[in-house]
N, C-alpha and C. Protein backbone atom coordinates (compact mmCIF):
# COMPACT_ATOMS: atom_id res chain seq x y z
N MET A 1 95.19 102.89 72.78
CA MET A 1 94.14 102.52 73.71
C MET A 1 93.20 103.71 73.89
N ALA A 2 91.95 103.48 73.66
CA ALA A 2 90.95 104.54 73.79
C ALA A 2 90.69 104.84 75.25
N ASP A 3 90.14 106.04 75.50
CA ASP A 3 89.76 106.39 76.86
C ASP A 3 88.68 105.42 77.33
N ILE A 4 88.83 104.97 78.55
CA ILE A 4 87.88 104.02 79.12
C ILE A 4 87.13 104.71 80.24
N ASP A 5 85.82 104.54 80.27
CA ASP A 5 84.99 105.11 81.32
C ASP A 5 84.90 104.09 82.46
N PHE A 6 85.85 104.19 83.40
CA PHE A 6 85.91 103.23 84.49
C PHE A 6 84.82 103.49 85.52
N PRO A 7 84.20 102.44 86.05
CA PRO A 7 83.22 102.62 87.11
C PRO A 7 83.91 103.07 88.40
N ASP A 8 83.19 103.85 89.19
CA ASP A 8 83.75 104.39 90.42
C ASP A 8 84.26 103.32 91.36
N ASP A 9 83.55 102.19 91.47
CA ASP A 9 83.99 101.15 92.41
C ASP A 9 85.33 100.56 92.01
N LEU A 10 85.58 100.47 90.72
CA LEU A 10 86.86 99.94 90.26
C LEU A 10 87.99 100.92 90.54
N ILE A 11 87.74 102.18 90.33
CA ILE A 11 88.73 103.22 90.63
C ILE A 11 89.07 103.20 92.12
N GLU A 12 88.06 103.10 92.95
CA GLU A 12 88.28 103.09 94.40
C GLU A 12 89.07 101.85 94.83
N LEU A 13 88.77 100.70 94.24
CA LEU A 13 89.54 99.49 94.54
C LEU A 13 91.01 99.67 94.19
N GLU A 14 91.28 100.22 93.02
CA GLU A 14 92.66 100.43 92.60
C GLU A 14 93.35 101.46 93.49
N ARG A 15 92.63 102.51 93.88
CA ARG A 15 93.21 103.50 94.80
C ARG A 15 93.58 102.87 96.14
N SER A 16 92.72 102.01 96.64
CA SER A 16 93.02 101.31 97.89
C SER A 16 94.26 100.44 97.74
N ALA A 17 94.34 99.72 96.64
CA ALA A 17 95.50 98.87 96.39
C ALA A 17 96.77 99.71 96.27
N TRP A 18 96.69 100.82 95.57
CA TRP A 18 97.87 101.67 95.37
C TRP A 18 98.33 102.25 96.71
N THR A 19 97.41 102.63 97.56
CA THR A 19 97.76 103.13 98.89
C THR A 19 98.46 102.04 99.69
N GLU A 20 97.93 100.82 99.64
CA GLU A 20 98.55 99.71 100.35
C GLU A 20 99.95 99.41 99.79
N ILE A 21 100.09 99.48 98.49
CA ILE A 21 101.39 99.25 97.85
C ILE A 21 102.40 100.28 98.34
N GLN A 22 102.00 101.54 98.36
CA GLN A 22 102.91 102.60 98.78
C GLN A 22 103.33 102.45 100.24
N ARG A 23 102.47 101.89 101.05
CA ARG A 23 102.79 101.66 102.46
C ARG A 23 103.52 100.34 102.68
N GLY A 24 103.63 99.53 101.64
CA GLY A 24 104.24 98.22 101.77
C GLY A 24 103.34 97.23 102.48
N GLU A 25 102.02 97.44 102.35
CA GLU A 25 101.05 96.64 103.09
C GLU A 25 99.97 96.01 102.21
N LEU A 26 100.27 95.80 100.92
CA LEU A 26 99.27 95.22 100.03
C LEU A 26 98.89 93.83 100.50
N THR A 27 97.59 93.61 100.67
CA THR A 27 97.12 92.30 101.10
C THR A 27 96.68 91.48 99.90
N LEU A 28 96.70 90.19 100.07
CA LEU A 28 96.24 89.29 99.02
C LEU A 28 94.76 89.55 98.71
N ASP A 29 93.97 89.80 99.74
CA ASP A 29 92.54 90.07 99.54
C ASP A 29 92.31 91.29 98.66
N THR A 30 93.07 92.36 98.92
CA THR A 30 92.93 93.57 98.11
C THR A 30 93.34 93.31 96.67
N ALA A 31 94.48 92.67 96.49
CA ALA A 31 94.98 92.38 95.14
C ALA A 31 94.00 91.51 94.36
N GLN A 32 93.46 90.50 95.01
CA GLN A 32 92.50 89.61 94.34
C GLN A 32 91.20 90.35 94.01
N ALA A 33 90.76 91.23 94.88
CA ALA A 33 89.53 91.99 94.63
C ALA A 33 89.70 92.89 93.41
N VAL A 34 90.85 93.55 93.31
CA VAL A 34 91.10 94.42 92.16
C VAL A 34 91.15 93.60 90.88
N GLN A 35 91.88 92.50 90.89
CA GLN A 35 92.01 91.68 89.69
C GLN A 35 90.66 91.10 89.25
N ALA A 36 89.87 90.66 90.21
CA ALA A 36 88.55 90.11 89.88
C ALA A 36 87.66 91.18 89.25
N ARG A 37 87.69 92.37 89.81
CA ARG A 37 86.83 93.45 89.28
C ARG A 37 87.31 93.92 87.92
N ILE A 38 88.63 93.96 87.72
CA ILE A 38 89.17 94.30 86.40
C ILE A 38 88.68 93.30 85.36
N THR A 39 88.77 92.02 85.68
CA THR A 39 88.34 90.97 84.77
C THR A 39 86.84 91.10 84.47
N GLU A 40 86.05 91.31 85.50
CA GLU A 40 84.61 91.46 85.34
C GLU A 40 84.26 92.66 84.46
N PHE A 41 84.89 93.80 84.73
CA PHE A 41 84.62 94.99 83.95
C PHE A 41 85.05 94.82 82.49
N ALA A 42 86.21 94.21 82.28
CA ALA A 42 86.69 93.99 80.92
C ALA A 42 85.69 93.15 80.12
N ARG A 43 85.16 92.12 80.76
CA ARG A 43 84.15 91.28 80.09
C ARG A 43 82.89 92.09 79.78
N GLU A 44 82.41 92.83 80.79
CA GLU A 44 81.18 93.62 80.61
C GLU A 44 81.33 94.64 79.49
N ALA A 45 82.49 95.29 79.44
CA ALA A 45 82.72 96.36 78.47
C ALA A 45 83.27 95.84 77.14
N GLU A 46 83.50 94.52 77.08
CA GLU A 46 84.07 93.90 75.89
C GLU A 46 85.38 94.56 75.49
N LEU A 47 86.25 94.70 76.50
CA LEU A 47 87.57 95.29 76.31
C LEU A 47 88.63 94.28 76.70
N SER A 48 89.83 94.52 76.22
CA SER A 48 90.96 93.71 76.62
C SER A 48 91.23 93.91 78.11
N ARG A 49 91.42 92.79 78.82
CA ARG A 49 91.71 92.88 80.24
C ARG A 49 93.00 93.67 80.47
N LEU A 50 93.98 93.48 79.61
CA LEU A 50 95.25 94.20 79.72
C LEU A 50 95.04 95.70 79.53
N ASP A 51 94.23 96.09 78.55
CA ASP A 51 93.95 97.50 78.33
C ASP A 51 93.26 98.12 79.53
N VAL A 52 92.33 97.37 80.13
CA VAL A 52 91.62 97.87 81.31
C VAL A 52 92.61 98.06 82.46
N GLU A 53 93.42 97.05 82.73
CA GLU A 53 94.36 97.15 83.85
C GLU A 53 95.38 98.27 83.64
N THR A 54 95.92 98.36 82.43
CA THR A 54 96.90 99.40 82.13
C THR A 54 96.29 100.79 82.25
N GLY A 55 95.12 100.97 81.69
CA GLY A 55 94.45 102.27 81.76
C GLY A 55 94.09 102.66 83.18
N LEU A 56 93.64 101.70 83.95
CA LEU A 56 93.26 101.95 85.34
C LEU A 56 94.47 102.37 86.16
N LYS A 57 95.57 101.65 86.00
CA LYS A 57 96.78 102.00 86.75
C LYS A 57 97.28 103.38 86.35
N LYS A 58 97.22 103.70 85.07
CA LYS A 58 97.65 105.03 84.62
C LYS A 58 96.76 106.10 85.24
N LEU A 59 95.46 105.88 85.25
CA LEU A 59 94.52 106.84 85.82
C LEU A 59 94.80 107.10 87.29
N VAL A 60 95.00 106.02 88.05
CA VAL A 60 95.18 106.13 89.50
C VAL A 60 96.60 106.56 89.88
N ARG A 61 97.58 105.98 89.23
CA ARG A 61 98.97 106.21 89.65
C ARG A 61 99.64 107.39 88.98
N HIS A 62 99.17 107.79 87.81
CA HIS A 62 99.78 108.88 87.05
C HIS A 62 98.68 109.78 86.48
N PRO A 63 97.89 110.40 87.35
CA PRO A 63 96.78 111.22 86.84
C PRO A 63 97.29 112.42 86.04
N GLU A 64 96.50 112.81 85.07
CA GLU A 64 96.83 113.97 84.27
C GLU A 64 96.72 115.22 85.15
N PRO A 65 97.68 116.14 85.03
CA PRO A 65 97.55 117.38 85.81
C PRO A 65 96.35 118.17 85.33
N GLU A 66 95.69 118.82 86.27
CA GLU A 66 94.53 119.63 85.90
C GLU A 66 94.99 120.86 85.14
N ALA A 67 94.21 121.23 84.12
CA ALA A 67 94.55 122.39 83.31
C ALA A 67 94.42 123.65 84.15
N GLU A 68 95.34 124.60 83.91
CA GLU A 68 95.28 125.86 84.64
C GLU A 68 94.03 126.62 84.24
N GLY A 69 93.41 127.24 85.22
CA GLY A 69 92.22 128.03 84.96
C GLY A 69 90.96 127.19 84.84
N ALA A 70 91.07 125.90 85.07
CA ALA A 70 89.90 125.03 84.94
C ALA A 70 89.11 125.00 86.22
């Protein structure tokens, strides 16, 4: 899967969902908003919806550590 340039609004939606998940408070509205935006972005970018969702979750939930001295 190639690096995907995710739009800021999609990243923020996923961050909100991840915060709610960690608190045990994920709402249906939040989950639906994230899924709808993932689908929309995948269509716009002509990418697999699965690749978009997987890459987004990796970005938000398992960010790469920053390089030392950067």
